Amino acid sequence: MLKVPPQSLLQFAPTDFNLLDDDHPPPSWCGDWVSRRWVEGLRTLRLMPLNRIPSGFNNAWPPYLVEWEDLLAQQEQGELEATQREQNRVRLQPSLRDVTRAETVVCWPLYLKDREHLLLAVNRVGWAFALDRDATFVAARHGGMSETWLARYLQGCGVIADGLGRDRVPVF
């Protein structure tokens, strides 16, 4: 069991955390940490297989049978490598921890229910960040200026952080 001396607890300031260090979250919710967890949750949602048939109803057989003549024809046309890459594609599944966090953060926009402009910004800019884009992508797609979208996004994350702190939600 790790024992922390009381002197180190007195010397800890709220700004003594590294935003990139996942093992040591800040002592209380802040807008930057909400933003990080929000984007992680949206990325996890993208990884989840949502449009699937229940496993009891699908077939165990491959969708089509590839015979030797088909392979030779694909090789002549140069499509064999592309077909093999598609067949060997691995889809990474999110971990239980990631799914649990994603389920938690999905409810966070409820803190913005009375502020529609902030709600739209948090949703749209968050999804852009989850797709490895920036606020310029949102501005090009929905109009406005990227600085405005980003400022509203950060303001919305701050409002969410205040609500999480008020409701005493543990920081993760």
N, C-alpha and C. Protein backbone atom coordinates (compact mmCIF):
# COMPACT_ATOMS: atom_id res chain seq x y z
N MET A 1 0.84 -1.18 0.00
CA MET A 1 0.00 0.00 0.00
C MET A 1 0.88 1.24 0.00
N LEU A 2 0.55 2.17 -0.87
CA LEU A 2 1.32 3.39 -0.99
C LEU A 2 0.90 4.37 0.10
N LYS A 3 1.87 4.86 0.85
CA LYS A 3 1.58 5.85 1.89
C LYS A 3 2.13 7.20 1.45
N VAL A 4 1.29 8.19 1.51
CA VAL A 4 1.67 9.55 1.11
C VAL A 4 1.86 10.37 2.37
N PRO A 5 3.03 10.94 2.55
CA PRO A 5 3.23 11.77 3.74
C PRO A 5 2.37 13.03 3.67
N PRO A 6 1.86 13.50 4.81
CA PRO A 6 0.98 14.68 4.81
C PRO A 6 1.65 15.94 4.28
N GLN A 7 2.99 16.04 4.38
CA GLN A 7 3.67 17.23 3.89
C GLN A 7 3.48 17.37 2.38
N SER A 8 3.52 16.24 1.63
CA SER A 8 3.38 16.33 0.18
C SER A 8 1.96 16.73 -0.21
N LEU A 9 0.98 16.39 0.62
CA LEU A 9 -0.39 16.80 0.32
C LEU A 9 -0.57 18.30 0.49
N LEU A 10 0.13 18.88 1.46
CA LEU A 10 0.03 20.32 1.68
C LEU A 10 0.73 21.10 0.59
N GLN A 11 1.75 20.51 -0.03
CA GLN A 11 2.51 21.21 -1.06
C GLN A 11 1.86 21.10 -2.44
N PHE A 12 0.83 20.27 -2.59
CA PHE A 12 0.22 20.05 -3.89
C PHE A 12 -0.71 21.21 -4.23
N ALA A 13 -0.49 21.79 -5.38
CA ALA A 13 -1.36 22.88 -5.85
C ALA A 13 -2.21 22.33 -6.99
N PRO A 14 -3.40 22.88 -7.23
CA PRO A 14 -4.26 22.38 -8.30
C PRO A 14 -3.62 22.45 -9.67
N THR A 15 -2.64 23.31 -9.87
CA THR A 15 -2.02 23.43 -11.18
C THR A 15 -0.82 22.50 -11.35
N ASP A 16 -0.56 21.64 -10.35
CA ASP A 16 0.59 20.74 -10.42
C ASP A 16 0.28 19.44 -11.14
N PHE A 17 -0.54 19.46 -12.14
CA PHE A 17 -0.82 18.23 -12.88
C PHE A 17 -0.47 18.45 -14.34
N ASN A 18 -0.12 17.35 -14.98
CA ASN A 18 0.21 17.38 -16.39
C ASN A 18 -1.00 16.88 -17.15
N LEU A 19 -1.51 17.64 -18.08
CA LEU A 19 -2.70 17.26 -18.82
C LEU A 19 -2.49 16.00 -19.64
N LEU A 20 -1.25 15.71 -20.00
CA LEU A 20 -0.96 14.53 -20.80
C LEU A 20 -0.74 13.28 -19.95
N ASP A 21 -0.68 13.42 -18.64
CA ASP A 21 -0.43 12.29 -17.75
C ASP A 21 -1.76 11.69 -17.32
N ASP A 22 -2.08 10.51 -17.87
CA ASP A 22 -3.36 9.88 -17.60
C ASP A 22 -3.43 9.26 -16.21
N ASP A 23 -2.28 8.95 -15.62
CA ASP A 23 -2.25 8.29 -14.32
C ASP A 23 -2.50 9.25 -13.16
N HIS A 24 -2.33 10.54 -13.38
CA HIS A 24 -2.49 11.53 -12.31
C HIS A 24 -3.45 12.62 -12.76
N PRO A 25 -4.76 12.40 -12.61
CA PRO A 25 -5.71 13.44 -13.01
C PRO A 25 -5.66 14.62 -12.04
N PRO A 26 -6.23 15.74 -12.42
CA PRO A 26 -6.24 16.90 -11.52
C PRO A 26 -7.11 16.61 -10.30
N PRO A 27 -6.95 17.36 -9.25
CA PRO A 27 -7.75 17.11 -8.04
C PRO A 27 -9.24 17.42 -8.22
N SER A 28 -9.57 18.32 -9.12
CA SER A 28 -10.97 18.63 -9.39
C SER A 28 -11.14 18.84 -10.90
N TRP A 29 -12.38 18.79 -11.34
CA TRP A 29 -12.65 18.92 -12.77
C TRP A 29 -12.29 20.32 -13.26
N CYS A 30 -11.66 20.36 -14.43
CA CYS A 30 -11.39 21.63 -15.10
C CYS A 30 -11.79 21.47 -16.57
N GLY A 31 -11.92 22.57 -17.27
CA GLY A 31 -12.37 22.52 -18.65
C GLY A 31 -11.47 21.70 -19.55
N ASP A 32 -10.16 21.79 -19.36
CA ASP A 32 -9.24 21.03 -20.20
C ASP A 32 -9.40 19.53 -19.98
N TRP A 33 -9.59 19.13 -18.72
CA TRP A 33 -9.73 17.71 -18.43
C TRP A 33 -11.07 17.19 -18.94
N VAL A 34 -12.13 17.99 -18.85
CA VAL A 34 -13.43 17.61 -19.41
C VAL A 34 -13.30 17.44 -20.92
N SER A 35 -12.58 18.35 -21.57
CA SER A 35 -12.38 18.27 -23.01
C SER A 35 -11.66 16.98 -23.38
N ARG A 36 -10.64 16.65 -22.63
CA ARG A 36 -9.88 15.43 -22.92
C ARG A 36 -10.76 14.19 -22.78
N ARG A 37 -11.51 14.10 -21.69
CA ARG A 37 -12.37 12.93 -21.47
C ARG A 37 -13.53 12.88 -22.47
N TRP A 38 -14.04 14.05 -22.87
CA TRP A 38 -15.13 14.10 -23.84
C TRP A 38 -14.66 13.56 -25.18
N VAL A 39 -13.51 14.00 -25.64
CA VAL A 39 -12.99 13.54 -26.93
C VAL A 39 -12.65 12.06 -26.87
N GLU A 40 -12.08 11.58 -25.76
CA GLU A 40 -11.81 10.15 -25.60
C GLU A 40 -13.09 9.34 -25.69
N GLY A 41 -14.15 9.84 -25.05
CA GLY A 41 -15.42 9.14 -25.10
C GLY A 41 -16.00 9.07 -26.50
N LEU A 42 -15.88 10.16 -27.25
CA LEU A 42 -16.38 10.16 -28.62
C LEU A 42 -15.56 9.24 -29.51
N ARG A 43 -14.25 9.19 -29.30
CA ARG A 43 -13.42 8.25 -30.06
C ARG A 43 -13.80 6.81 -29.76
N THR A 44 -14.10 6.54 -28.51
CA THR A 44 -14.53 5.19 -28.13
C THR A 44 -15.86 4.84 -28.80
N LEU A 45 -16.78 5.80 -28.85
CA LEU A 45 -18.04 5.55 -29.54
C LEU A 45 -17.84 5.23 -31.01
N ARG A 46 -16.86 5.87 -31.63
CA ARG A 46 -16.57 5.57 -33.03
C ARG A 46 -16.05 4.15 -33.21
N LEU A 47 -15.35 3.62 -32.22
CA LEU A 47 -14.79 2.27 -32.32
C LEU A 47 -15.81 1.17 -32.06
N MET A 48 -16.91 1.52 -31.45
CA MET A 48 -17.88 0.50 -31.09
C MET A 48 -18.68 0.05 -32.31
N PRO A 49 -18.83 -1.26 -32.49
CA PRO A 49 -19.64 -1.75 -33.62
C PRO A 49 -21.12 -1.61 -33.30
N LEU A 50 -21.77 -0.63 -33.91
CA LEU A 50 -23.16 -0.35 -33.58
C LEU A 50 -24.16 -1.01 -34.52
N ASN A 51 -23.85 -1.10 -35.80
CA ASN A 51 -24.80 -1.63 -36.78
C ASN A 51 -24.48 -3.09 -37.08
N ARG A 52 -24.83 -3.95 -36.15
CA ARG A 52 -24.56 -5.37 -36.35
C ARG A 52 -25.83 -6.17 -36.07
N ILE A 53 -25.89 -7.30 -36.72
CA ILE A 53 -26.96 -8.25 -36.47
C ILE A 53 -26.59 -9.04 -35.23
N PRO A 54 -27.54 -9.36 -34.36
CA PRO A 54 -27.19 -10.19 -33.20
C PRO A 54 -26.50 -11.48 -33.63
N SER A 55 -25.54 -11.92 -32.83
CA SER A 55 -24.69 -13.03 -33.24
C SER A 55 -25.46 -14.33 -33.46
N GLY A 56 -26.64 -14.47 -32.90
CA GLY A 56 -27.41 -15.69 -33.10
C GLY A 56 -28.02 -15.79 -34.49
N PHE A 57 -28.08 -14.67 -35.22
CA PHE A 57 -28.75 -14.66 -36.51
C PHE A 57 -27.80 -14.58 -37.70
N ASN A 58 -26.51 -14.44 -37.47
CA ASN A 58 -25.61 -14.33 -38.62
C ASN A 58 -25.09 -15.70 -39.01
N ASN A 59 -24.44 -15.76 -40.12
CA ASN A 59 -23.96 -17.01 -40.68
C ASN A 59 -22.47 -17.13 -40.43
N ALA A 60 -22.00 -18.34 -40.17
CA ALA A 60 -20.59 -18.57 -39.92
C ALA A 60 -19.78 -18.69 -41.21
N TRP A 61 -20.45 -18.85 -42.33
CA TRP A 61 -19.75 -19.00 -43.59
C TRP A 61 -19.27 -17.65 -44.10
N PRO A 62 -18.17 -17.62 -44.84
CA PRO A 62 -17.73 -16.34 -45.43
C PRO A 62 -18.77 -15.84 -46.43
N PRO A 63 -18.75 -14.52 -46.71
CA PRO A 63 -19.78 -13.97 -47.59
C PRO A 63 -19.72 -14.50 -49.02
N TYR A 64 -18.57 -14.97 -49.46
CA TYR A 64 -18.46 -15.54 -50.80
C TYR A 64 -17.29 -16.51 -50.81
N LEU A 65 -17.31 -17.40 -51.75
CA LEU A 65 -16.27 -18.41 -51.89
C LEU A 65 -15.30 -17.96 -52.98
N VAL A 66 -14.03 -17.89 -52.66
CA VAL A 66 -13.02 -17.50 -53.63
C VAL A 66 -12.33 -18.76 -54.13
N GLU A 67 -12.41 -18.98 -55.41
CA GLU A 67 -11.78 -20.15 -56.00
C GLU A 67 -10.46 -19.76 -56.64
N TRP A 68 -9.69 -20.75 -57.05
CA TRP A 68 -8.36 -20.55 -57.60
C TRP A 68 -8.40 -19.64 -58.81
N GLU A 69 -9.38 -19.83 -59.69
CA GLU A 69 -9.46 -19.00 -60.90
C GLU A 69 -9.71 -17.53 -60.53
N ASP A 70 -10.49 -17.32 -59.48
CA ASP A 70 -10.74 -15.95 -59.03
C ASP A 70 -9.45 -15.29 -58.54
N LEU A 71 -8.65 -16.04 -57.79
CA LEU A 71 -7.37 -15.50 -57.30
C LEU A 71 -6.44 -15.16 -58.44
N LEU A 72 -6.37 -16.03 -59.45
CA LEU A 72 -5.52 -15.74 -60.61
C LEU A 72 -6.00 -14.50 -61.36
N ALA A 73 -7.31 -14.36 -61.51
CA ALA A 73 -7.85 -13.18 -62.21
C ALA A 73 -7.58 -11.91 -61.41
N GLN A 74 -7.69 -11.99 -60.08
CA GLN A 74 -7.40 -10.82 -59.26
C GLN A 74 -5.93 -10.45 -59.34
N GLN A 75 -5.05 -11.45 -59.40
CA GLN A 75 -3.62 -11.16 -59.48
C GLN A 75 -3.27 -10.50 -60.81
N GLU A 76 -3.90 -10.95 -61.89
CA GLU A 76 -3.65 -10.35 -63.19
C GLU A 76 -4.11 -8.89 -63.24
N GLN A 77 -5.19 -8.59 -62.55
CA GLN A 77 -5.71 -7.23 -62.55
C GLN A 77 -5.06 -6.35 -61.48
N GLY A 78 -4.25 -6.94 -60.62
CA GLY A 78 -3.57 -6.18 -59.58
C GLY A 78 -4.44 -5.91 -58.36
N GLU A 79 -5.53 -6.63 -58.23
CA GLU A 79 -6.44 -6.40 -57.10
C GLU A 79 -6.25 -7.40 -55.97
N LEU A 80 -5.35 -8.35 -56.14
CA LEU A 80 -5.18 -9.39 -55.13
C LEU A 80 -4.69 -8.82 -53.80
N GLU A 81 -3.72 -7.90 -53.86
CA GLU A 81 -3.19 -7.32 -52.63
C GLU A 81 -4.25 -6.52 -51.89
N ALA A 82 -5.06 -5.76 -52.64
CA ALA A 82 -6.11 -4.97 -52.01
C ALA A 82 -7.15 -5.88 -51.36
N THR A 83 -7.49 -6.97 -52.02
CA THR A 83 -8.45 -7.92 -51.46
C THR A 83 -7.90 -8.57 -50.20
N GLN A 84 -6.62 -8.94 -50.22
CA GLN A 84 -6.01 -9.56 -49.05
C GLN A 84 -5.92 -8.57 -47.89
N ARG A 85 -5.60 -7.31 -48.18
CA ARG A 85 -5.57 -6.30 -47.12
C ARG A 85 -6.95 -6.14 -46.48
N GLU A 86 -7.99 -6.13 -47.31
CA GLU A 86 -9.34 -5.99 -46.78
C GLU A 86 -9.74 -7.20 -45.95
N GLN A 87 -9.34 -8.38 -46.36
CA GLN A 87 -9.68 -9.59 -45.60
C GLN A 87 -8.91 -9.68 -44.30
N ASN A 88 -7.72 -9.11 -44.26
CA ASN A 88 -6.89 -9.18 -43.06
C ASN A 88 -7.04 -7.96 -42.15
N ARG A 89 -8.00 -7.11 -42.46
CA ARG A 89 -8.22 -5.91 -41.67
C ARG A 89 -8.70 -6.29 -40.27
N VAL A 90 -8.07 -5.68 -39.28
CA VAL A 90 -8.44 -5.94 -37.90
C VAL A 90 -9.08 -4.68 -37.34
N ARG A 91 -10.24 -4.86 -36.76
CA ARG A 91 -10.92 -3.73 -36.13
C ARG A 91 -10.69 -3.83 -34.63
N LEU A 92 -10.07 -2.79 -34.08
CA LEU A 92 -9.79 -2.79 -32.65
C LEU A 92 -11.06 -2.49 -31.86
N GLN A 93 -11.29 -3.28 -30.85
CA GLN A 93 -12.45 -3.08 -29.99
C GLN A 93 -12.03 -2.28 -28.76
N PRO A 94 -12.86 -1.36 -28.31
CA PRO A 94 -12.51 -0.60 -27.10
C PRO A 94 -12.55 -1.50 -25.87
N SER A 95 -11.77 -1.13 -24.88
CA SER A 95 -11.73 -1.89 -23.63
C SER A 95 -12.96 -1.58 -22.78
N LEU A 96 -13.16 -2.38 -21.75
CA LEU A 96 -14.29 -2.16 -20.84
C LEU A 96 -14.17 -0.81 -20.15
N ARG A 97 -12.96 -0.44 -19.78
CA ARG A 97 -12.73 0.85 -19.13
C ARG A 97 -13.11 2.01 -20.06
N ASP A 98 -12.71 1.89 -21.33
CA ASP A 98 -13.04 2.94 -22.29
C ASP A 98 -14.55 3.04 -22.52
N VAL A 99 -15.22 1.89 -22.61
CA VAL A 99 -16.67 1.90 -22.83
C VAL A 99 -17.38 2.49 -21.63
N THR A 100 -16.92 2.15 -20.42
CA THR A 100 -17.53 2.70 -19.21
C THR A 100 -17.37 4.21 -19.16
N ARG A 101 -16.19 4.69 -19.50
CA ARG A 101 -15.98 6.14 -19.52
C ARG A 101 -16.84 6.80 -20.59
N ALA A 102 -16.95 6.16 -21.76
CA ALA A 102 -17.77 6.73 -22.84
C ALA A 102 -19.23 6.81 -22.41
N GLU A 103 -19.72 5.78 -21.71
CA GLU A 103 -21.10 5.83 -21.22
C GLU A 103 -21.29 6.97 -20.22
N THR A 104 -20.26 7.25 -19.45
CA THR A 104 -20.36 8.32 -18.47
C THR A 104 -20.39 9.69 -19.15
N VAL A 105 -19.49 9.90 -20.10
CA VAL A 105 -19.38 11.24 -20.70
C VAL A 105 -20.52 11.55 -21.66
N VAL A 106 -21.24 10.55 -22.12
CA VAL A 106 -22.35 10.80 -23.04
C VAL A 106 -23.42 11.67 -22.38
N CYS A 107 -23.55 11.59 -21.08
CA CYS A 107 -24.57 12.38 -20.36
C CYS A 107 -24.13 13.81 -20.06
N TRP A 108 -22.87 14.12 -20.23
CA TRP A 108 -22.37 15.43 -19.85
C TRP A 108 -23.02 16.61 -20.57
N PRO A 109 -23.41 16.49 -21.84
CA PRO A 109 -24.05 17.65 -22.47
C PRO A 109 -25.35 18.08 -21.80
N LEU A 110 -25.91 17.27 -20.90
CA LEU A 110 -27.10 17.70 -20.17
C LEU A 110 -26.83 18.93 -19.31
N TYR A 111 -25.57 19.15 -18.94
CA TYR A 111 -25.24 20.35 -18.19
C TYR A 111 -25.39 21.61 -19.05
N LEU A 112 -25.51 21.44 -20.36
CA LEU A 112 -25.62 22.58 -21.28
C LEU A 112 -27.01 22.70 -21.88
N LYS A 113 -28.00 22.08 -21.29
CA LYS A 113 -29.33 22.03 -21.91
C LYS A 113 -29.96 23.41 -22.08
N ASP A 114 -29.61 24.37 -21.24
CA ASP A 114 -30.17 25.71 -21.36
C ASP A 114 -29.33 26.64 -22.23
N ARG A 115 -28.20 26.16 -22.70
CA ARG A 115 -27.29 26.97 -23.51
C ARG A 115 -27.02 26.26 -24.83
N GLU A 116 -27.92 26.43 -25.76
CA GLU A 116 -27.86 25.67 -27.01
C GLU A 116 -26.61 25.98 -27.82
N HIS A 117 -26.14 27.22 -27.82
CA HIS A 117 -24.95 27.57 -28.60
C HIS A 117 -23.72 26.84 -28.06
N LEU A 118 -23.63 26.68 -26.74
CA LEU A 118 -22.52 25.94 -26.16
C LEU A 118 -22.67 24.44 -26.41
N LEU A 119 -23.89 23.96 -26.36
CA LEU A 119 -24.15 22.55 -26.62
C LEU A 119 -23.73 22.16 -28.03
N LEU A 120 -24.11 22.98 -29.00
CA LEU A 120 -23.71 22.71 -30.39
C LEU A 120 -22.19 22.75 -30.55
N ALA A 121 -21.56 23.72 -29.91
CA ALA A 121 -20.10 23.83 -30.04
C ALA A 121 -19.40 22.64 -29.41
N VAL A 122 -19.82 22.22 -28.22
CA VAL A 122 -19.19 21.08 -27.56
C VAL A 122 -19.38 19.83 -28.40
N ASN A 123 -20.56 19.65 -28.94
CA ASN A 123 -20.82 18.47 -29.75
C ASN A 123 -20.03 18.48 -31.05
N ARG A 124 -20.11 19.57 -31.79
CA ARG A 124 -19.48 19.61 -33.11
C ARG A 124 -17.95 19.65 -33.03
N VAL A 125 -17.41 20.47 -32.17
CA VAL A 125 -15.95 20.56 -32.06
C VAL A 125 -15.39 19.29 -31.42
N GLY A 126 -16.12 18.71 -30.47
CA GLY A 126 -15.69 17.46 -29.88
C GLY A 126 -15.60 16.35 -30.90
N TRP A 127 -16.61 16.24 -31.77
CA TRP A 127 -16.55 15.22 -32.82
C TRP A 127 -15.43 15.52 -33.81
N ALA A 128 -15.20 16.79 -34.10
CA ALA A 128 -14.08 17.12 -34.99
C ALA A 128 -12.76 16.69 -34.37
N PHE A 129 -12.57 16.94 -33.08
CA PHE A 129 -11.34 16.50 -32.41
C PHE A 129 -11.25 14.98 -32.39
N ALA A 130 -12.37 14.30 -32.22
CA ALA A 130 -12.37 12.84 -32.22
C ALA A 130 -11.98 12.29 -33.58
N LEU A 131 -12.26 13.04 -34.63
CA LEU A 131 -11.88 12.65 -35.99
C LEU A 131 -10.51 13.18 -36.39
N ASP A 132 -9.76 13.70 -35.41
CA ASP A 132 -8.44 14.29 -35.64
C ASP A 132 -8.50 15.49 -36.57
N ARG A 133 -9.54 16.29 -36.44
CA ARG A 133 -9.68 17.55 -37.16
C ARG A 133 -9.63 18.68 -36.14
N ASP A 134 -9.84 19.89 -36.58
CA ASP A 134 -9.84 21.01 -35.64
C ASP A 134 -11.09 21.86 -35.85
N ALA A 135 -11.13 23.00 -35.18
CA ALA A 135 -12.31 23.86 -35.25
C ALA A 135 -12.48 24.47 -36.64
N THR A 136 -11.43 24.53 -37.43
CA THR A 136 -11.55 25.03 -38.81
C THR A 136 -12.48 24.14 -39.62
N PHE A 137 -12.41 22.83 -39.37
CA PHE A 137 -13.29 21.87 -40.04
C PHE A 137 -14.75 22.17 -39.70
N VAL A 138 -15.02 22.47 -38.44
CA VAL A 138 -16.39 22.78 -38.01
C VAL A 138 -16.85 24.08 -38.64
N ALA A 139 -15.98 25.08 -38.68
CA ALA A 139 -16.35 26.36 -39.27
C ALA A 139 -16.64 26.22 -40.76
N ALA A 140 -15.86 25.41 -41.45
CA ALA A 140 -16.08 25.21 -42.88
C ALA A 140 -17.39 24.46 -43.13
N ARG A 141 -17.72 23.58 -42.23
CA ARG A 141 -18.91 22.75 -42.43
C ARG A 141 -20.20 23.42 -41.97
N HIS A 142 -20.14 24.18 -40.89
CA HIS A 142 -21.35 24.74 -40.30
C HIS A 142 -21.39 26.27 -40.34
N GLY A 143 -20.35 26.90 -40.88
CA GLY A 143 -20.32 28.35 -40.95
C GLY A 143 -19.76 28.97 -39.68
N GLY A 144 -19.47 30.23 -39.74
CA GLY A 144 -18.91 30.93 -38.59
C GLY A 144 -17.39 30.94 -38.64
N MET A 145 -16.80 31.36 -37.54
CA MET A 145 -15.34 31.43 -37.46
C MET A 145 -14.84 30.35 -36.52
N SER A 146 -13.68 29.81 -36.85
CA SER A 146 -13.13 28.72 -36.04
C SER A 146 -12.80 29.18 -34.62
N GLU A 147 -12.38 30.44 -34.48
CA GLU A 147 -12.06 30.95 -33.14
C GLU A 147 -13.31 31.00 -32.27
N THR A 148 -14.45 31.36 -32.87
CA THR A 148 -15.70 31.41 -32.13
C THR A 148 -16.13 30.02 -31.70
N TRP A 149 -16.04 29.06 -32.63
CA TRP A 149 -16.39 27.67 -32.29
C TRP A 149 -15.52 27.15 -31.16
N LEU A 150 -14.22 27.42 -31.25
CA LEU A 150 -13.30 26.92 -30.22
C LEU A 150 -13.55 27.61 -28.88
N ALA A 151 -13.81 28.91 -28.90
CA ALA A 151 -14.08 29.63 -27.64
C ALA A 151 -15.35 29.11 -26.99
N ARG A 152 -16.39 28.86 -27.78
CA ARG A 152 -17.63 28.31 -27.22
C ARG A 152 -17.42 26.89 -26.71
N TYR A 153 -16.61 26.11 -27.42
CA TYR A 153 -16.30 24.75 -26.97
C TYR A 153 -15.61 24.76 -25.61
N LEU A 154 -14.61 25.61 -25.48
CA LEU A 154 -13.89 25.70 -24.21
C LEU A 154 -14.79 26.24 -23.09
N GLN A 155 -15.65 27.20 -23.43
CA GLN A 155 -16.59 27.72 -22.44
C GLN A 155 -17.56 26.62 -22.01
N GLY A 156 -18.05 25.83 -22.98
CA GLY A 156 -18.95 24.73 -22.65
C GLY A 156 -18.28 23.68 -21.79
N CYS A 157 -17.02 23.36 -22.07
CA CYS A 157 -16.29 22.40 -21.23
C CYS A 157 -16.12 22.95 -19.82
N GLY A 158 -15.94 24.25 -19.69
CA GLY A 158 -15.86 24.86 -18.36
C GLY A 158 -17.17 24.76 -17.60
N VAL A 159 -18.29 24.97 -18.30
CA VAL A 159 -19.60 24.85 -17.66
C VAL A 159 -19.83 23.40 -17.21
N ILE A 160 -19.44 22.45 -18.06
CA ILE A 160 -19.58 21.04 -17.69
C ILE A 160 -18.71 20.73 -16.48
N ALA A 161 -17.49 21.26 -16.46
CA ALA A 161 -16.59 21.03 -15.31
C ALA A 161 -17.20 21.59 -14.03
N ASP A 162 -17.81 22.77 -14.11
CA ASP A 162 -18.46 23.35 -12.93
C ASP A 162 -19.61 22.46 -12.46
N GLY A 163 -20.39 21.93 -13.41
CA GLY A 163 -21.50 21.06 -13.04
C GLY A 163 -21.03 19.75 -12.43
N LEU A 164 -19.95 19.19 -12.98
CA LEU A 164 -19.41 17.95 -12.42
C LEU A 164 -18.87 18.18 -11.01
N GLY A 165 -18.23 19.32 -10.81
CA GLY A 165 -17.74 19.65 -9.48
C GLY A 165 -18.87 19.87 -8.50
N ARG A 166 -19.93 20.54 -8.96
CA ARG A 166 -21.09 20.80 -8.10
C ARG A 166 -21.79 19.49 -7.70
N ASP A 167 -21.83 18.53 -8.65
CA ASP A 167 -22.48 17.24 -8.36
C ASP A 167 -21.53 16.24 -7.71
N ARG A 168 -20.29 16.69 -7.46
CA ARG A 168 -19.27 15.86 -6.80
C ARG A 168 -18.99 14.55 -7.53
N VAL A 169 -18.89 14.67 -8.85
CA VAL A 169 -18.55 13.51 -9.67
C VAL A 169 -17.04 13.29 -9.53
N PRO A 170 -16.60 12.08 -9.21
CA PRO A 170 -15.17 11.86 -9.06
C PRO A 170 -14.41 12.06 -10.37
N VAL A 171 -13.23 12.61 -10.27
CA VAL A 171 -12.39 12.87 -11.44
C VAL A 171 -11.78 11.54 -11.88
N PHE A 172 -11.84 11.29 -13.17
CA PHE A 172 -11.20 10.08 -13.72
C PHE A 172 -10.39 10.43 -14.93
